[in-house]
C-alpha atoms as a PDB file:
ATOM      1  CA  GLU A   1      13.342  31.870 103.562  1.00  0.00           C
ATOM      2  CA  ALA A   2       9.801  30.688 103.118  1.00  0.00           C
ATOM      3  CA  ALA A   3       8.783  34.108 101.535  1.00  0.00           C
ATOM      4  CA  ARG A   4      11.389  33.710  98.860  1.00  0.00           C
ATOM      5  CA  GLN A   5      10.328  30.224  98.079  1.00  0.00           C
ATOM      6  CA  LEU A   6       6.722  31.304  97.939  1.00  0.00           C
ATOM      7  CA  GLY A   7       7.726  33.996  95.371  1.00  0.00           C
ATOM      8  CA  ILE A   8       9.310  31.376  93.236  1.00  0.00           C
ATOM      9  CA  THR A   9       6.452  28.982  93.393  1.00  0.00           C
ATOM     10  CA  ARG A  10       4.088  31.787  92.498  1.00  0.00           C
ATOM     11  CA  LYS A  11       6.224  32.784  89.455  1.00  0.00           C
ATOM     12  CA  THR A  12       6.331  29.057  88.422  1.00  0.00           C
ATOM     13  CA  LEU A  13       2.577  28.711  88.676  1.00  0.00           C
ATOM     14  CA  LEU A  14       1.924  31.899  86.879  1.00  0.00           C
ATOM     15  CA  ALA A  15       4.255  30.704  84.053  1.00  0.00           C
ATOM     16  CA  LYS A  16       2.238  27.482  83.809  1.00  0.00           C
ATOM     17  CA  LEU A  17      -1.000  29.296  83.766  1.00  0.00           C
ATOM     18  CA  SER A  18       0.414  31.582  81.150  1.00  0.00           C
ATOM     19  CA  ARG A  19       1.432  28.625  79.024  1.00  0.00           C
END
């Protein structure tokens, strides 16, 4: 699912930003 992958990518991006 594209929506599912989008959520994962967003989470990863957020984690990188939080770092």
